Amino acid sequence: MTIAVSDRNPERPHFERRIRRLERDILRMGALVENSFRLSHQALFARDLTAAEQLPILDKQIDQFYRQIELECAALIALEGPVAQDLRSISAFMQLIRDLERIGDYAEDLGEIAVKIFPYSPHPCVPQIEVMSHHAQAMLATSLLSLADLDPQLGRSVKRLDDVVDTAYKNLYHTLANERDIKGVVEPILLLALAIRHIERMADHATNIGQRVAYIVTGHRG
């Protein structure tokens, strides 16, 4: 799968090949981040510690892509002298991969939370957190599809999905913060509060990706 961009500089085939390779690498990085989010969900809600063990390995691969793509973007700007949409795209790509890298970091953090919370009985609000995580994963999938198709409308639509996640976060945080008559240690409640914060931030980064796609295509932010 490649990003759907028309041939912008047919007179510069070497530059075009580098751009195409860059785009493919970004989508590969996106696929790894999607997988890391899926594994963190599995670790936390299916209580699958094997999935949690895979996350640090995956995060190293994501970080490697991040460094590689960032260097390539910098080299393209410095050596190829891109203008207009090419420069806009490369600049947006540099910001976009940062969003992807952060989602991968949060996924690894969720895996660590899954390990720490495993000995405790599931909290009653876990099913609601699971739904919140599903929404955030759908946002990431939509933002990556908007990137692959360079669809600004689809990219902007991610923001509407984010409202659902924000509302879930506020409701769940209120529930956890106002817990009464806690039996035993408070660690699982603190861990769940941290988990919903991570998921909310992952959704924010997915929103950023969608908005950056709109910027690449239209030149306008938001």
Protein backbone atom coordinates (compact mmCIF):
# COMPACT_ATOMS: atom_id res chain seq x y z
CA MET A 1 0.00 0.00 0.00
CA THR A 2 1.33 3.45 -0.91
CA ILE A 3 0.15 6.96 -0.26
CA ALA A 4 -2.03 8.17 -3.12
CA VAL A 5 -0.07 11.11 -4.45
CA SER A 6 0.06 12.07 -8.11
CA ASP A 7 3.43 12.49 -9.83
CA ARG A 8 4.40 15.95 -8.71
CA ASN A 9 7.89 16.21 -10.18
CA PRO A 10 8.24 13.92 -13.19
CA GLU A 11 11.33 15.88 -14.21
CA ARG A 12 13.02 14.82 -10.93
CA PRO A 13 12.70 11.01 -10.92
CA HIS A 14 15.33 10.51 -8.19
CA PHE A 15 13.48 12.87 -5.86
CA GLU A 16 10.18 11.17 -6.64
CA ARG A 17 11.62 7.75 -5.83
CA ARG A 18 12.86 9.01 -2.48
CA ILE A 19 9.44 10.49 -1.70
CA ARG A 20 7.69 7.22 -2.61
CA ARG A 21 10.08 5.23 -0.42
CA LEU A 22 9.49 7.68 2.42
CA GLU A 23 5.72 7.32 2.08
CA ARG A 24 5.95 3.51 2.11
CA ASP A 25 8.09 3.59 5.26
CA ILE A 26 5.57 5.87 7.02
CA LEU A 27 2.74 3.46 6.24
CA ARG A 28 4.86 0.53 7.46
CA MET A 29 5.50 2.42 10.67
CA GLY A 30 1.77 3.10 10.94
CA ALA A 31 1.02 -0.61 10.57
CA LEU A 32 3.43 -1.41 13.42
CA VAL A 33 1.80 1.22 15.62
CA GLU A 34 -1.66 -0.18 14.85
CA ASN A 35 -0.41 -3.62 15.87
CA SER A 36 1.12 -2.27 19.09
CA PHE A 37 -2.20 -0.63 20.00
CA ARG A 38 -4.02 -3.91 19.29
CA LEU A 39 -1.56 -5.85 21.48
CA SER A 40 -1.86 -3.36 24.34
CA HIS A 41 -5.64 -3.73 24.16
CA GLN A 42 -5.29 -7.50 24.24
CA ALA A 43 -2.89 -7.35 27.17
CA LEU A 44 -5.08 -5.04 29.23
CA PHE A 45 -8.55 -6.37 28.53
CA ALA A 46 -7.95 -10.05 27.67
CA ARG A 47 -5.32 -10.16 30.42
CA ASP A 48 -2.87 -11.60 27.88
CA LEU A 49 0.62 -11.21 29.30
CA THR A 50 2.16 -12.77 26.20
CA ALA A 51 0.85 -9.80 24.22
CA ALA A 52 2.39 -7.46 26.80
CA GLU A 53 5.78 -9.14 26.35
CA GLN A 54 5.71 -8.40 22.60
CA LEU A 55 5.24 -4.66 23.03
CA PRO A 56 8.84 -3.64 23.91
CA ILE A 57 10.12 -5.51 20.85
CA LEU A 58 7.57 -3.80 18.64
CA ASP A 59 8.36 -0.41 20.16
CA LYS A 60 12.04 -0.79 19.23
CA GLN A 61 11.00 -1.40 15.61
CA ILE A 62 8.73 1.67 15.70
CA ASP A 63 11.54 3.82 17.13
CA GLN A 64 13.90 2.56 14.41
CA PHE A 65 11.43 3.60 11.71
CA TYR A 66 10.98 6.95 13.43
CA ARG A 67 14.71 7.73 13.42
CA GLN A 68 15.15 6.49 9.85
CA ILE A 69 12.21 8.51 8.47
CA GLU A 70 13.17 11.64 10.39
CA LEU A 71 16.69 11.51 8.94
CA GLU A 72 15.35 10.95 5.43
CA CYS A 73 12.96 13.90 5.76
CA ALA A 74 15.80 16.15 6.93
CA ALA A 75 18.00 14.96 4.06
CA LEU A 76 15.28 15.62 1.49
CA ILE A 77 14.80 19.17 2.75
CA ALA A 78 18.54 19.89 2.93
CA LEU A 79 19.68 18.24 -0.30
CA GLU A 80 16.72 18.25 -2.68
CA GLY A 81 15.33 21.74 -2.12
CA PRO A 82 11.64 20.77 -2.20
CA VAL A 83 9.08 23.51 -2.81
CA ALA A 84 5.31 24.01 -2.49
CA GLN A 85 3.38 20.80 -1.76
CA ASP A 86 6.51 18.65 -1.52
CA LEU A 87 7.94 20.82 1.26
CA ARG A 88 4.55 20.94 2.98
CA SER A 89 4.25 17.14 2.80
CA ILE A 90 7.74 16.46 4.14
CA SER A 91 7.30 18.94 7.00
CA ALA A 92 3.95 17.35 7.91
CA PHE A 93 5.47 13.87 7.69
CA MET A 94 8.09 14.84 10.28
CA GLN A 95 5.35 15.87 12.70
CA LEU A 96 3.13 12.92 11.81
CA ILE A 97 5.75 10.27 12.60
CA ARG A 98 6.19 11.89 16.00
CA ASP A 99 2.49 11.31 16.65
CA LEU A 100 2.88 7.68 15.58
CA GLU A 101 5.94 7.22 17.78
CA ARG A 102 4.09 8.59 20.81
CA ILE A 103 1.14 6.24 20.24
CA GLY A 104 3.63 3.37 20.20
CA ASP A 105 5.14 4.59 23.48
CA TYR A 106 1.71 4.75 25.12
CA ALA A 107 0.92 1.25 23.87
CA GLU A 108 4.06 -0.05 25.57
CA ASP A 109 3.05 1.80 28.75
CA LEU A 110 -0.38 0.14 28.62
CA GLY A 111 1.35 -3.22 28.38
CA GLU A 112 3.27 -2.44 31.58
CA ILE A 113 0.02 -1.44 33.27
CA ALA A 114 -1.54 -4.74 32.15
CA VAL A 115 1.26 -6.66 33.89
CA LYS A 116 0.94 -4.65 37.13
CA ILE A 117 -2.86 -4.90 37.26
CA PHE A 118 -2.98 -8.61 36.38
CA PRO A 119 -3.02 -9.90 40.01
CA TYR A 120 -6.12 -7.85 40.84
CA SER A 121 -9.73 -8.67 40.06
CA PRO A 122 -11.13 -6.68 37.12
CA HIS A 123 -12.69 -3.37 38.15
CA PRO A 124 -16.39 -2.85 37.22
CA CYS A 125 -15.50 0.02 34.86
CA VAL A 126 -13.11 -2.10 32.75
CA PRO A 127 -15.77 -2.83 30.05
CA GLN A 128 -16.27 0.92 29.57
CA ILE A 129 -12.52 1.45 29.27
CA GLU A 130 -12.42 -1.33 26.70
CA VAL A 131 -15.03 0.48 24.59
CA MET A 132 -12.99 3.68 24.91
CA SER A 133 -9.92 1.82 23.65
CA HIS A 134 -11.89 0.42 20.69
CA HIS A 135 -12.91 3.97 19.73
CA ALA A 136 -9.31 5.19 19.93
CA GLN A 137 -8.13 2.28 17.76
CA ALA A 138 -10.80 3.13 15.20
CA MET A 139 -9.51 6.70 15.18
CA LEU A 140 -5.97 5.53 14.46
CA ALA A 141 -7.18 3.24 11.66
CA THR A 142 -9.19 6.09 10.13
CA SER A 143 -6.30 8.54 10.31
CA LEU A 144 -3.96 6.05 8.63
CA LEU A 145 -6.52 5.37 5.91
CA SER A 146 -6.84 9.11 5.33
CA LEU A 147 -3.04 9.22 4.99
CA ALA A 148 -2.90 6.34 2.53
CA ASP A 149 -5.65 7.89 0.39
CA LEU A 150 -4.67 11.51 1.08
CA ASP A 151 -8.30 12.15 1.95
CA PRO A 152 -8.62 15.45 3.85
CA GLN A 153 -12.30 14.95 4.70
CA LEU A 154 -11.59 11.56 6.24
CA GLY A 155 -8.66 13.07 8.10
CA ARG A 156 -10.83 15.80 9.59
CA SER A 157 -13.53 13.27 10.54
CA VAL A 158 -11.19 11.82 13.16
CA LYS A 159 -11.76 14.91 15.30
CA ARG A 160 -15.46 14.04 15.63
CA LEU A 161 -14.55 10.56 16.85
CA ASP A 162 -12.24 12.16 19.41
CA ASP A 163 -15.20 13.82 21.10
CA VAL A 164 -16.50 10.34 22.04
CA VAL A 165 -13.17 9.41 23.61
CA ASP A 166 -12.91 12.70 25.48
CA THR A 167 -16.39 12.23 26.96
CA ALA A 168 -15.56 8.65 27.99
CA TYR A 169 -12.35 9.86 29.63
CA LYS A 170 -14.13 12.52 31.67
CA ASN A 171 -16.84 10.10 32.82
CA LEU A 172 -14.41 7.32 33.70
CA TYR A 173 -12.02 9.66 35.49
CA HIS A 174 -14.92 11.00 37.58
CA THR A 175 -15.94 7.42 38.45
CA LEU A 176 -12.43 6.40 39.48
CA ALA A 177 -11.63 9.62 41.33
CA ASN A 178 -14.82 9.42 43.39
CA GLU A 179 -14.48 5.76 44.32
CA ARG A 180 -15.75 5.13 47.85
CA ASP A 181 -15.35 2.29 50.33
CA ILE A 182 -12.28 0.90 48.61
CA LYS A 183 -11.42 -2.58 49.86
CA GLY A 184 -7.73 -3.36 49.84
CA VAL A 185 -5.05 -1.35 48.01
CA VAL A 186 -5.77 1.56 45.69
CA GLU A 187 -3.13 0.56 43.12
CA PRO A 188 -5.56 -0.91 40.55
CA ILE A 189 -7.65 2.28 40.58
CA LEU A 190 -4.53 4.41 40.08
CA LEU A 191 -3.40 2.14 37.25
CA LEU A 192 -6.77 2.37 35.52
CA ALA A 193 -6.73 6.16 35.86
CA LEU A 194 -3.33 6.15 34.17
CA ALA A 195 -4.57 3.75 31.48
CA ILE A 196 -7.50 5.95 30.48
CA ARG A 197 -5.17 8.96 30.32
CA HIS A 198 -2.86 7.05 27.96
CA ILE A 199 -5.77 6.02 25.74
CA GLU A 200 -7.06 9.60 25.66
CA ARG A 201 -3.63 10.84 24.57
CA MET A 202 -3.39 8.13 21.89
CA ALA A 203 -6.70 9.38 20.51
CA ASP A 204 -5.34 12.95 20.51
CA HIS A 205 -2.32 11.87 18.46
CA ALA A 206 -4.58 10.03 16.02
CA THR A 207 -6.54 13.28 15.64
CA ASN A 208 -3.30 15.12 14.94
CA ILE A 209 -2.46 12.66 12.16
CA GLY A 210 -5.82 13.26 10.48
CA GLN A 211 -5.36 17.02 10.69
CA ARG A 212 -1.85 16.78 9.25
CA VAL A 213 -3.25 14.86 6.28
CA ALA A 214 -5.72 17.67 5.66
CA TYR A 215 -2.82 20.14 5.82
CA ILE A 216 -0.77 18.14 3.30
CA VAL A 217 -3.61 18.21 0.80
CA THR A 218 -5.15 21.64 1.33
CA GLY A 219 -2.45 23.72 3.00
CA HIS A 220 -4.88 24.58 5.80
CA ARG A 221 -4.66 23.28 9.35
CA GLY A 222 -7.68 21.87 11.17
